[in-house]
Amino acid sequence: MPLIRSESQVGNILDHYHDNESDSEQIRKWYAAMRDLIPKLDAELPSTNVWGLTSHDSLCLMSVPEYNAGINHVIIEHYYDGCFRMSYHPPEGELPVPESHVTFMAIGVPEALTRIKIAMAASKGWPDSPDL
């Protein structure tokens, strides 16, 4: 299934990251990196239902279409040139600090794709996904 935008938002995910002349050069770089990542992530998950919730420079991947559907999600941000920062909320009991997140970095789209899929699996939000 294609990566689709949360039912809480309108348009498609890539529309959110379009170039806007009033944006700073840095924002345009962040958005270009997300436009590079999203189609490749979509191609990596052909049999997995994934909804994306966009907010400024971040993309939250969810296993359900609504924005308030719980804690099983992965958040992706372009951090700086070619580097992505990601985080996920592990299931309760898997970390010594309750309600904490695991945050990590990836340099380049290929490494980001690998780590995003690891985070999706670790979050337990997509337990039956053949793509993870």
Protein backbone atom coordinates (compact mmCIF):
# COMPACT_ATOMS: atom_id res chain seq x y z
CA MET A 1 0.00 0.00 0.00
CA PRO A 2 1.37 3.43 -0.79
CA LEU A 3 2.47 5.68 2.04
CA ILE A 4 -0.55 7.95 2.47
CA ARG A 5 -1.21 11.05 4.49
CA SER A 6 -3.16 10.80 7.72
CA GLU A 7 -6.90 11.18 7.37
CA SER A 8 -6.50 14.15 9.71
CA GLN A 9 -4.76 16.13 6.94
CA VAL A 10 -5.45 16.96 3.30
CA GLY A 11 -3.30 16.43 0.21
CA ASN A 12 -0.51 13.95 -0.17
CA ILE A 13 2.63 13.75 1.90
CA LEU A 14 4.94 15.15 -0.77
CA ASP A 15 2.69 18.21 -1.14
CA HIS A 16 3.64 19.23 2.38
CA TYR A 17 7.35 19.29 1.47
CA HIS A 18 7.02 21.39 -1.70
CA ASP A 19 9.42 24.23 -2.42
CA ASN A 20 8.21 27.61 -1.33
CA GLU A 21 10.22 30.70 -2.26
CA SER A 22 9.49 32.30 1.11
CA ASP A 23 11.16 29.39 2.96
CA SER A 24 14.77 29.75 4.06
CA GLU A 25 17.49 27.92 2.19
CA GLN A 26 17.82 25.51 5.13
CA ILE A 27 14.10 24.64 5.08
CA ARG A 28 14.29 24.06 1.32
CA LYS A 29 17.22 21.65 1.90
CA TRP A 30 15.27 19.79 4.60
CA TYR A 31 12.23 19.52 2.38
CA ALA A 32 14.30 18.33 -0.61
CA ALA A 33 15.78 15.57 1.56
CA MET A 34 12.30 14.48 2.62
CA ARG A 35 11.13 14.50 -1.02
CA ASP A 36 14.07 12.21 -1.80
CA LEU A 37 13.38 9.87 1.13
CA ILE A 38 9.58 9.46 0.94
CA PRO A 39 9.24 7.76 -2.49
CA LYS A 40 12.07 5.38 -1.62
CA LEU A 41 10.48 4.54 1.72
CA ASP A 42 7.19 3.97 -0.07
CA ALA A 43 8.92 1.53 -2.44
CA GLU A 44 10.45 -0.35 0.53
CA LEU A 45 7.01 -0.98 2.08
CA PRO A 46 4.78 -2.24 -0.76
CA SER A 47 2.71 -4.57 1.45
CA THR A 48 2.56 -2.46 4.61
CA ASN A 49 -0.18 -0.01 5.59
CA VAL A 50 1.58 3.22 6.58
CA TRP A 51 0.02 6.62 7.17
CA GLY A 52 2.10 9.75 7.45
CA LEU A 53 1.34 12.75 9.61
CA THR A 54 3.32 15.82 8.61
CA SER A 55 4.25 18.64 10.95
CA HIS A 56 6.68 21.33 9.85
CA ASP A 57 9.92 19.44 9.05
CA SER A 58 8.93 16.08 10.56
CA LEU A 59 7.05 13.07 9.30
CA CYS A 60 5.34 10.71 11.72
CA LEU A 61 4.75 7.21 10.34
CA MET A 62 1.70 5.53 11.84
CA SER A 63 0.02 2.15 11.51
CA VAL A 64 -3.45 3.73 11.59
CA PRO A 65 -4.99 6.60 9.62
CA GLU A 66 -5.86 8.94 12.50
CA TYR A 67 -3.37 11.27 14.17
CA ASN A 68 -4.38 10.37 17.74
CA ALA A 69 -4.19 6.63 17.35
CA GLY A 70 -1.64 5.80 19.99
CA ILE A 71 2.07 5.41 20.55
CA ASN A 72 3.11 2.98 17.80
CA HIS A 73 4.83 5.36 15.45
CA VAL A 74 8.17 6.43 14.03
CA ILE A 75 9.14 10.09 13.67
CA ILE A 76 11.56 11.16 10.93
CA GLU A 77 13.24 14.56 10.58
CA HIS A 78 15.93 15.75 8.23
CA TYR A 79 18.56 16.96 10.67
CA TYR A 80 21.26 18.46 8.48
CA ASP A 81 22.79 17.86 5.05
CA GLY A 82 22.10 14.21 4.29
CA CYS A 83 21.52 13.26 7.93
CA PHE A 84 18.18 12.12 9.32
CA ARG A 85 17.10 11.93 12.97
CA MET A 86 14.49 9.33 13.85
CA SER A 87 12.73 8.19 16.99
CA TYR A 88 10.19 5.64 18.08
CA HIS A 89 8.33 4.73 21.24
CA PRO A 90 9.11 1.14 22.27
CA PRO A 91 6.39 -0.97 23.86
CA GLU A 92 6.04 -0.50 27.61
CA GLY A 93 8.46 -2.63 29.59
CA GLU A 94 11.19 -2.67 26.96
CA LEU A 95 13.09 0.31 28.39
CA PRO A 96 14.01 1.17 31.98
CA VAL A 97 12.48 4.67 31.66
CA PRO A 98 8.68 4.57 31.27
CA GLU A 99 7.21 6.41 28.28
CA SER A 100 10.64 7.12 26.78
CA HIS A 101 11.68 7.21 23.13
CA VAL A 102 14.63 5.77 21.30
CA THR A 103 16.30 8.41 19.12
CA PHE A 104 19.00 7.73 16.54
CA MET A 105 20.61 9.16 13.42
CA ALA A 106 21.28 7.95 9.90
CA ILE A 107 23.56 9.44 7.28
CA GLY A 108 22.07 9.24 3.82
CA VAL A 109 18.82 7.85 2.48
CA PRO A 110 19.93 4.17 2.26
CA GLU A 111 20.93 4.05 5.93
CA ALA A 112 17.78 5.98 6.90
CA LEU A 113 15.59 3.45 5.08
CA THR A 114 17.21 0.55 6.93
CA ARG A 115 16.89 2.24 10.31
CA ILE A 116 13.32 3.38 9.73
CA LYS A 117 12.30 -0.20 9.02
CA ILE A 118 14.11 -1.39 12.18
CA ALA A 119 12.29 1.28 14.22
CA MET A 120 8.93 0.34 12.71
CA ALA A 121 9.49 -3.29 13.68
CA ALA A 122 10.75 -2.36 17.17
CA SER A 123 7.74 -0.11 17.82
CA LYS A 124 5.47 -3.14 17.30
CA GLY A 125 3.07 -0.95 15.33
CA TRP A 126 3.26 -3.17 12.24
CA PRO A 127 3.45 -6.72 13.69
CA ASP A 128 2.28 -8.52 10.55
CA SER A 129 4.28 -6.56 7.97
CA PRO A 130 6.14 -8.77 5.50
CA ASP A 131 8.28 -5.75 4.53
CA LEU A 132 9.91 -5.39 7.93
